[in-house]
Amino acid sequence: MTTFMDTQRVYTLRWRCRRGMKELDVLLTRYLERDYYKVPLPQRQAFESLLEMADPDILDYILGRKTPENRELSLVIARLSVAGD
């Protein structure tokens, strides 16, 4: 049963996936739709913290220019990197 809070949460996360770069929009939204509710809570929290970051930082992680120190964030980035598959 979907509650109002669940629906509101999805709406908020979907809105936060909207970025200044279309490529990031696609990757983040696809992760939200395919993986977000399948992964453990710490990874969901890591994804939400990722949405707080600036687009260039997110892109650096996805392209491998930077490596997250947080293990959970590393797992999210790995899934994002293959989200287009």
PDB file of N, CA and C in Angstrom:
ATOM      1  N   MET A   1       0.830  -1.175   0.000  1.00  0.00           N
ATOM      2  CA  MET A   1       0.000   0.000   0.000  1.00  0.00           C
ATOM      3  C   MET A   1       0.884   1.251   0.000  1.00  0.00           C
ATOM      4  N   THR A   2       0.675   2.103  -0.947  1.00  0.00           N
ATOM      5  CA  THR A   2       1.442   3.335  -1.051  1.00  0.00           C
ATOM      6  C   THR A   2       0.768   4.427  -0.241  1.00  0.00           C
ATOM      7  N   THR A   3       1.551   5.056   0.592  1.00  0.00           N
ATOM      8  CA  THR A   3       1.011   6.125   1.420  1.00  0.00           C
ATOM      9  C   THR A   3       1.304   7.473   0.777  1.00  0.00           C
ATOM     10  N   PHE A   4       0.665   8.498   1.300  1.00  0.00           N
ATOM     11  CA  PHE A   4       0.917   9.852   0.831  1.00  0.00           C
ATOM     12  C   PHE A   4       2.380  10.213   1.018  1.00  0.00           C
ATOM     13  N   MET A   5       2.965   9.797   2.142  1.00  0.00           N
ATOM     14  CA  MET A   5       4.368  10.108   2.415  1.00  0.00           C
ATOM     15  C   MET A   5       5.278   9.451   1.393  1.00  0.00           C
ATOM     16  N   ASP A   6       4.981   8.195   1.005  1.00  0.00           N
ATOM     17  CA  ASP A   6       5.777   7.509  -0.012  1.00  0.00           C
ATOM     18  C   ASP A   6       5.691   8.247  -1.338  1.00  0.00           C
ATOM     19  N   THR A   7       4.494   8.619  -1.720  1.00  0.00           N
ATOM     20  CA  THR A   7       4.281   9.330  -2.974  1.00  0.00           C
ATOM     21  C   THR A   7       5.007  10.669  -2.955  1.00  0.00           C
ATOM     22  N   GLN A   8       4.913  11.367  -1.857  1.00  0.00           N
ATOM     23  CA  GLN A   8       5.590  12.664  -1.724  1.00  0.00           C
ATOM     24  C   GLN A   8       7.096  12.493  -1.786  1.00  0.00           C
ATOM     25  N   ARG A   9       7.612  11.447  -1.172  1.00  0.00           N
ATOM     26  CA  ARG A   9       9.053  11.175  -1.170  1.00  0.00           C
ATOM     27  C   ARG A   9       9.549  10.931  -2.592  1.00  0.00           C
ATOM     28  N   VAL A  10       8.852  10.110  -3.333  1.00  0.00           N
ATOM     29  CA  VAL A  10       9.235   9.827  -4.724  1.00  0.00           C
ATOM     30  C   VAL A  10       9.209  11.107  -5.542  1.00  0.00           C
ATOM     31  N   TYR A  11       8.172  11.908  -5.362  1.00  0.00           N
ATOM     32  CA  TYR A  11       8.065  13.166  -6.092  1.00  0.00           C
ATOM     33  C   TYR A  11       9.254  14.069  -5.775  1.00  0.00           C
ATOM     34  N   THR A  12       9.595  14.177  -4.511  1.00  0.00           N
ATOM     35  CA  THR A  12      10.709  15.027  -4.100  1.00  0.00           C
ATOM     36  C   THR A  12      12.032  14.517  -4.667  1.00  0.00           C
ATOM     37  N   LEU A  13      12.265  13.222  -4.584  1.00  0.00           N
ATOM     38  CA  LEU A  13      13.504  12.667  -5.119  1.00  0.00           C
ATOM     39  C   LEU A  13      13.580  12.834  -6.635  1.00  0.00           C
ATOM     40  N   ARG A  14      12.469  12.614  -7.300  1.00  0.00           N
ATOM     41  CA  ARG A  14      12.452  12.783  -8.762  1.00  0.00           C
ATOM     42  C   ARG A  14      12.791  14.233  -9.128  1.00  0.00           C
ATOM     43  N   TRP A  15      12.252  15.168  -8.373  1.00  0.00           N
ATOM     44  CA  TRP A  15      12.545  16.582  -8.625  1.00  0.00           C
ATOM     45  C   TRP A  15      14.025  16.877  -8.395  1.00  0.00           C
ATOM     46  N   ARG A  16      14.596  16.290  -7.358  1.00  0.00           N
ATOM     47  CA  ARG A  16      16.005  16.516  -7.046  1.00  0.00           C
ATOM     48  C   ARG A  16      16.931  15.870  -8.071  1.00  0.00           C
ATOM     49  N   CYS A  17      16.424  14.901  -8.836  1.00  0.00           N
ATOM     50  CA  CYS A  17      17.223  14.275  -9.892  1.00  0.00           C
ATOM     51  C   CYS A  17      17.357  15.187 -11.107  1.00  0.00           C
ATOM     52  N   ARG A  18      16.533  16.213 -11.166  1.00  0.00           N
ATOM     53  CA  ARG A  18      16.613  17.168 -12.281  1.00  0.00           C
ATOM     54  C   ARG A  18      17.841  18.042 -12.076  1.00  0.00           C
ATOM     55  N   ARG A  19      18.736  18.014 -13.039  1.00  0.00           N
ATOM     56  CA  ARG A  19      20.011  18.705 -12.907  1.00  0.00           C
ATOM     57  C   ARG A  19      20.196  19.685 -14.048  1.00  0.00           C
ATOM     58  N   GLY A  20      21.351  20.296 -14.065  1.00  0.00           N
ATOM     59  CA  GLY A  20      21.692  21.230 -15.132  1.00  0.00           C
ATOM     60  C   GLY A  20      22.197  20.525 -16.379  1.00  0.00           C
ATOM     61  N   MET A  21      22.479  19.230 -16.267  1.00  0.00           N
ATOM     62  CA  MET A  21      22.972  18.440 -17.397  1.00  0.00           C
ATOM     63  C   MET A  21      21.989  17.320 -17.692  1.00  0.00           C
ATOM     64  N   LYS A  22      21.560  17.241 -18.908  1.00  0.00           N
ATOM     65  CA  LYS A  22      20.581  16.220 -19.308  1.00  0.00           C
ATOM     66  C   LYS A  22      21.094  14.811 -19.018  1.00  0.00           C
ATOM     67  N   GLU A  23      22.393  14.593 -19.235  1.00  0.00           N
ATOM     68  CA  GLU A  23      22.968  13.272 -19.008  1.00  0.00           C
ATOM     69  C   GLU A  23      22.799  12.851 -17.549  1.00  0.00           C
ATOM     70  N   LEU A  24      23.026  13.796 -16.638  1.00  0.00           N
ATOM     71  CA  LEU A  24      22.846  13.490 -15.222  1.00  0.00           C
ATOM     72  C   LEU A  24      21.381  13.265 -14.898  1.00  0.00           C
ATOM     73  N   ASP A  25      20.502  14.051 -15.499  1.00  0.00           N
ATOM     74  CA  ASP A  25      19.059  13.844 -15.306  1.00  0.00           C
ATOM     75  C   ASP A  25      18.697  12.388 -15.605  1.00  0.00           C
ATOM     76  N   VAL A  26      19.164  11.911 -16.731  1.00  0.00           N
ATOM     77  CA  VAL A  26      18.825  10.563 -17.185  1.00  0.00           C
ATOM     78  C   VAL A  26      19.396   9.514 -16.236  1.00  0.00           C
ATOM     79  N   LEU A  27      20.675   9.629 -15.898  1.00  0.00           N
ATOM     80  CA  LEU A  27      21.298   8.636 -15.026  1.00  0.00           C
ATOM     81  C   LEU A  27      20.678   8.608 -13.633  1.00  0.00           C
ATOM     82  N   LEU A  28      20.480   9.780 -13.055  1.00  0.00           N
ATOM     83  CA  LEU A  28      19.941   9.837 -11.695  1.00  0.00           C
ATOM     84  C   LEU A  28      18.490   9.351 -11.641  1.00  0.00           C
ATOM     85  N   THR A  29      17.692   9.767 -12.615  1.00  0.00           N
ATOM     86  CA  THR A  29      16.288   9.337 -12.652  1.00  0.00           C
ATOM     87  C   THR A  29      16.196   7.832 -12.886  1.00  0.00           C
ATOM     88  N   ARG A  30      17.034   7.325 -13.762  1.00  0.00           N
ATOM     89  CA  ARG A  30      17.025   5.884 -14.040  1.00  0.00           C
ATOM     90  C   ARG A  30      17.399   5.097 -12.785  1.00  0.00           C
ATOM     91  N   TYR A  31      18.394   5.588 -12.036  1.00  0.00           N
ATOM     92  CA  TYR A  31      18.765   4.928 -10.785  1.00  0.00           C
ATOM     93  C   TYR A  31      17.589   4.947  -9.803  1.00  0.00           C
ATOM     94  N   LEU A  32      16.955   6.101  -9.693  1.00  0.00           N
ATOM     95  CA  LEU A  32      15.812   6.220  -8.795  1.00  0.00           C
ATOM     96  C   LEU A  32      14.733   5.203  -9.155  1.00  0.00           C
ATOM     97  N   GLU A  33      14.433   5.080 -10.415  1.00  0.00           N
ATOM     98  CA  GLU A  33      13.364   4.186 -10.856  1.00  0.00           C
ATOM     99  C   GLU A  33      13.743   2.707 -10.766  1.00  0.00           C
ATOM    100  N   ARG A  34      14.977   2.363 -11.089  1.00  0.00           N
ATOM    101  CA  ARG A  34      15.385   0.962 -11.160  1.00  0.00           C
ATOM    102  C   ARG A  34      15.962   0.409  -9.860  1.00  0.00           C
ATOM    103  N   ASP A  35      16.741   1.228  -9.154  1.00  0.00           N
ATOM    104  CA  ASP A  35      17.546   0.683  -8.066  1.00  0.00           C
ATOM    105  C   ASP A  35      17.219   1.205  -6.679  1.00  0.00           C
ATOM    106  N   TYR A  36      16.768   2.422  -6.570  1.00  0.00           N
ATOM    107  CA  TYR A  36      16.657   3.091  -5.274  1.00  0.00           C
ATOM    108  C   TYR A  36      15.922   2.251  -4.230  1.00  0.00           C
ATOM    109  N   TYR A  37      14.780   1.697  -4.567  1.00  0.00           N
ATOM    110  CA  TYR A  37      13.992   0.954  -3.586  1.00  0.00           C
ATOM    111  C   TYR A  37      14.438  -0.499  -3.436  1.00  0.00           C
ATOM    112  N   LYS A  38      15.440  -0.906  -4.210  1.00  0.00           N
ATOM    113  CA  LYS A  38      15.963  -2.271  -4.103  1.00  0.00           C
ATOM    114  C   LYS A  38      17.204  -2.342  -3.223  1.00  0.00           C
ATOM    115  N   VAL A  39      17.866  -1.223  -3.024  1.00  0.00           N
ATOM    116  CA  VAL A  39      19.130  -1.222  -2.284  1.00  0.00           C
ATOM    117  C   VAL A  39      18.885  -0.984  -0.798  1.00  0.00           C
ATOM    118  N   PRO A  40      19.860  -1.354   0.034  1.00  0.00           N
ATOM    119  CA  PRO A  40      19.719  -1.130   1.479  1.00  0.00           C
ATOM    120  C   PRO A  40      19.647   0.366   1.826  1.00  0.00           C
ATOM    121  N   LEU A  41      19.105   0.646   2.986  1.00  0.00           N
ATOM    122  CA  LEU A  41      18.927   2.018   3.448  1.00  0.00           C
ATOM    123  C   LEU A  41      20.202   2.860   3.381  1.00  0.00           C
ATOM    124  N   PRO A  42      21.370   2.347   3.782  1.00  0.00           N
ATOM    125  CA  PRO A  42      22.571   3.195   3.698  1.00  0.00           C
ATOM    126  C   PRO A  42      22.878   3.668   2.270  1.00  0.00           C
ATOM    127  N   GLN A  43      22.587   2.829   1.279  1.00  0.00           N
ATOM    128  CA  GLN A  43      22.805   3.250  -0.110  1.00  0.00           C
ATOM    129  C   GLN A  43      21.761   4.266  -0.548  1.00  0.00           C
ATOM    130  N   ARG A  44      20.549   4.128  -0.058  1.00  0.00           N
ATOM    131  CA  ARG A  44      19.527   5.137  -0.357  1.00  0.00           C
ATOM    132  C   ARG A  44      19.937   6.480   0.228  1.00  0.00           C
ATOM    133  N   GLN A  45      20.461   6.450   1.432  1.00  0.00           N
ATOM    134  CA  GLN A  45      20.919   7.682   2.063  1.00  0.00           C
ATOM    135  C   GLN A  45      22.102   8.272   1.301  1.00  0.00           C
ATOM    136  N   ALA A  46      22.993   7.418   0.808  1.00  0.00           N
ATOM    137  CA  ALA A  46      24.132   7.888   0.020  1.00  0.00           C
ATOM    138  C   ALA A  46      23.657   8.539  -1.278  1.00  0.00           C
ATOM    139  N   PHE A  47      22.652   7.946  -1.908  1.00  0.00           N
ATOM    140  CA  PHE A  47      22.095   8.533  -3.127  1.00  0.00           C
ATOM    141  C   PHE A  47      21.510   9.910  -2.833  1.00  0.00           C
ATOM    142  N   GLU A  48      20.814  10.020  -1.727  1.00  0.00           N
ATOM    143  CA  GLU A  48      20.230  11.311  -1.360  1.00  0.00           C
ATOM    144  C   GLU A  48      21.312  12.344  -1.074  1.00  0.00           C
ATOM    145  N   SER A  49      22.413  11.925  -0.468  1.00  0.00           N
ATOM    146  CA  SER A  49      23.522  12.867  -0.236  1.00  0.00           C
ATOM    147  C   SER A  49      24.182  13.242  -1.556  1.00  0.00           C
ATOM    148  N   LEU A  50      24.207  12.316  -2.494  1.00  0.00           N
ATOM    149  CA  LEU A  50      24.742  12.617  -3.825  1.00  0.00           C
ATOM    150  C   LEU A  50      23.919  13.713  -4.496  1.00  0.00           C
ATOM    151  N   LEU A  51      22.619  13.672  -4.309  1.00  0.00           N
ATOM    152  CA  LEU A  51      21.743  14.677  -4.909  1.00  0.00           C
ATOM    153  C   LEU A  51      21.989  16.075  -4.329  1.00  0.00           C
ATOM    154  N   GLU A  52      22.660  16.147  -3.194  1.00  0.00           N
ATOM    155  CA  GLU A  52      23.003  17.441  -2.592  1.00  0.00           C
ATOM    156  C   GLU A  52      24.251  18.054  -3.230  1.00  0.00           C
ATOM    157  N   MET A  53      25.002  17.255  -3.955  1.00  0.00           N
ATOM    158  CA  MET A  53      26.273  17.703  -4.536  1.00  0.00           C
ATOM    159  C   MET A  53      26.058  18.495  -5.818  1.00  0.00           C
ATOM    160  N   ALA A  54      27.087  19.235  -6.174  1.00  0.00           N
ATOM    161  CA  ALA A  54      27.077  19.999  -7.429  1.00  0.00           C
ATOM    162  C   ALA A  54      27.258  19.050  -8.611  1.00  0.00           C
ATOM    163  N   ASP A  55      26.682  19.422  -9.735  1.00  0.00           N
ATOM    164  CA  ASP A  55      26.762  18.593 -10.939  1.00  0.00           C
ATOM    165  C   ASP A  55      28.190  18.211 -11.319  1.00  0.00           C
ATOM    166  N   PRO A  56      29.149  19.153 -11.339  1.00  0.00           N
ATOM    167  CA  PRO A  56      30.519  18.766 -11.717  1.00  0.00           C
ATOM    168  C   PRO A  56      31.120  17.702 -10.793  1.00  0.00           C
ATOM    169  N   ASP A  57      30.785  17.752  -9.511  1.00  0.00           N
ATOM    170  CA  ASP A  57      31.289  16.737  -8.579  1.00  0.00           C
ATOM    171  C   ASP A  57      30.684  15.371  -8.870  1.00  0.00           C
ATOM    172  N   ILE A  58      29.389  15.348  -9.137  1.00  0.00           N
ATOM    173  CA  ILE A  58      28.728  14.076  -9.474  1.00  0.00           C
ATOM    174  C   ILE A  58      29.337  13.503 -10.746  1.00  0.00           C
ATOM    175  N   LEU A  59      29.514  14.348 -11.733  1.00  0.00           N
ATOM    176  CA  LEU A  59      30.091  13.906 -13.001  1.00  0.00           C
ATOM    177  C   LEU A  59      31.512  13.376 -12.808  1.00  0.00           C
ATOM    178  N   ASP A  60      32.300  14.041 -11.985  1.00  0.00           N
ATOM    179  CA  ASP A  60      33.661  13.558 -11.696  1.00  0.00           C
ATOM    180  C   ASP A  60      33.635  12.162 -11.100  1.00  0.00           C
ATOM    181  N   TYR A  61      32.695  11.888 -10.211  1.00  0.00           N
ATOM    182  CA  TYR A  61      32.560  10.545  -9.640  1.00  0.00           C
ATOM    183  C   TYR A  61      32.172   9.531 -10.714  1.00  0.00           C
ATOM    184  N   ILE A  62      31.195   9.870 -11.519  1.00  0.00           N
ATOM    185  CA  ILE A  62      30.713   8.941 -12.542  1.00  0.00           C
ATOM    186  C   ILE A  62      31.794   8.641 -13.574  1.00  0.00           C
ATOM    187  N   LEU A  63      32.564   9.666 -13.940  1.00  0.00           N
ATOM    188  CA  LEU A  63      33.615   9.487 -14.940  1.00  0.00           C
ATOM    189  C   LEU A  63      34.910   8.930 -14.348  1.00  0.00           C
ATOM    190  N   GLY A  64      34.936   8.734 -13.047  1.00  0.00           N
ATOM    191  CA  GLY A  64      36.116   8.161 -12.411  1.00  0.00           C
ATOM    192  C   GLY A  64      37.245   9.137 -12.155  1.00  0.00           C
ATOM    193  N   ARG A  65      36.971  10.414 -12.282  1.00  0.00           N
ATOM    194  CA  ARG A  65      37.997  11.428 -12.002  1.00  0.00           C
ATOM    195  C   ARG A  65      38.230  11.579 -10.507  1.00  0.00           C
ATOM    196  N   LYS A  66      37.206  11.268  -9.716  1.00  0.00           N
ATOM    197  CA  LYS A  66      37.279  11.286  -8.263  1.00  0.00           C
ATOM    198  C   LYS A  66      36.724   9.969  -7.750  1.00  0.00           C
ATOM    199  N   THR A  67      37.202   9.585  -6.573  1.00  0.00           N
ATOM    200  CA  THR A  67      36.705   8.371  -5.931  1.00  0.00           C
ATOM    201  C   THR A  67      36.100   8.742  -4.579  1.00  0.00           C
ATOM    202  N   PRO A  68      34.851   8.381  -4.358  1.00  0.00           N
ATOM    203  CA  PRO A  68      34.232   8.690  -3.065  1.00  0.00           C
ATOM    204  C   PRO A  68      34.927   7.938  -1.936  1.00  0.00           C
ATOM    205  N   GLU A  69      35.068   8.590  -0.803  1.00  0.00           N
ATOM    206  CA  GLU A  69      35.644   7.930   0.368  1.00  0.00           C
ATOM    207  C   GLU A  69      34.619   7.037   1.053  1.00  0.00           C
ATOM    208  N   ASN A  70      33.355   7.385   0.927  1.00  0.00           N
ATOM    209  CA  ASN A  70      32.269   6.643   1.550  1.00  0.00           C
ATOM    210  C   ASN A  70      31.967   5.390   0.726  1.00  0.00           C
ATOM    211  N   ARG A  71      31.987   4.222   1.384  1.00  0.00           N
ATOM    212  CA  ARG A  71      31.752   2.951   0.685  1.00  0.00           C
ATOM    213  C   ARG A  71      30.365   2.909   0.039  1.00  0.00           C
ATOM    214  N   GLU A  72      29.370   3.353   0.763  1.00  0.00           N
ATOM    215  CA  GLU A  72      27.999   3.316   0.239  1.00  0.00           C
ATOM    216  C   GLU A  72      27.860   4.199  -0.993  1.00  0.00           C
ATOM    217  N   LEU A  73      28.490   5.364  -0.940  1.00  0.00           N
ATOM    218  CA  LEU A  73      28.450   6.256  -2.104  1.00  0.00           C
ATOM    219  C   LEU A  73      29.172   5.621  -3.282  1.00  0.00           C
ATOM    220  N   SER A  74      30.266   4.915  -3.020  1.00  0.00           N
ATOM    221  CA  SER A  74      30.981   4.204  -4.090  1.00  0.00           C
ATOM    222  C   SER A  74      30.079   3.179  -4.765  1.00  0.00           C
ATOM    223  N   LEU A  75      29.273   2.478  -3.971  1.00  0.00           N
ATOM    224  CA  LEU A  75      28.342   1.491  -4.534  1.00  0.00           C
ATOM    225  C   LEU A  75      27.276   2.162  -5.402  1.00  0.00           C
ATOM    226  N   VAL A  76      26.790   3.306  -4.961  1.00  0.00           N
ATOM    227  CA  VAL A  76      25.794   4.049  -5.744  1.00  0.00           C
ATOM    228  C   VAL A  76      26.423   4.505  -7.064  1.00  0.00           C
ATOM    229  N   ILE A  77      27.622   5.060  -6.982  1.00  0.00           N
ATOM    230  CA  ILE A  77      28.309   5.538  -8.198  1.00  0.00           C
ATOM    231  C   ILE A  77      28.526   4.389  -9.170  1.00  0.00           C
ATOM    232  N   ALA A  78      28.905   3.232  -8.650  1.00  0.00           N
ATOM    233  CA  ALA A  78      29.095   2.060  -9.523  1.00  0.00           C
ATOM    234  C   ALA A  78      27.801   1.709 -10.244  1.00  0.00           C
ATOM    235  N   ARG A  79      26.677   1.759  -9.549  1.00  0.00           N
ATOM    236  CA  ARG A  79      25.389   1.469 -10.183  1.00  0.00           C
ATOM    237  C   ARG A  79      25.025   2.548 -11.187  1.00  0.00           C
ATOM    238  N   LEU A  80      25.318   3.803 -10.853  1.00  0.00           N
ATOM    239  CA  LEU A  80      25.029   4.896 -11.792  1.00  0.00           C
ATOM    240  C   LEU A  80      25.831   4.736 -13.069  1.00  0.00           C
ATOM    241  N   SER A  81      27.069   4.294 -12.927  1.00  0.00           N
ATOM    242  CA  SER A  81      27.951   4.154 -14.084  1.00  0.00           C
ATOM    243  C   SER A  81      27.466   3.102 -15.054  1.00  0.00           C
ATOM    244  N   VAL A  82      26.712   2.127 -14.550  1.00  0.00           N
ATOM    245  CA  VAL A  82      26.179   1.084 -15.426  1.00  0.00           C
ATOM    246  C   VAL A  82      24.685   1.255 -15.653  1.00  0.00           C
ATOM    247  N   ALA A  83      24.122   2.352 -15.164  1.00  0.00           N
ATOM    248  CA  ALA A  83      22.669   2.564 -15.269  1.00  0.00           C
ATOM    249  C   ALA A  83      22.197   2.647 -16.720  1.00  0.00           C
ATOM    250  N   GLY A  84      23.085   3.008 -17.608  1.00  0.00           N
ATOM    251  CA  GLY A  84      22.694   3.118 -19.010  1.00  0.00           C
ATOM    252  C   GLY A  84      22.597   1.770 -19.703  1.00  0.00           C
ATOM    253  N   ASP A  85      23.072   0.717 -19.023  1.00  0.00           N
ATOM    254  CA  ASP A  85      23.049  -0.623 -19.636  1.00  0.00           C
ATOM    255  C   ASP A  85      21.664  -1.204 -19.660  1.00  0.00           C
TER     256      ASP A  85
END
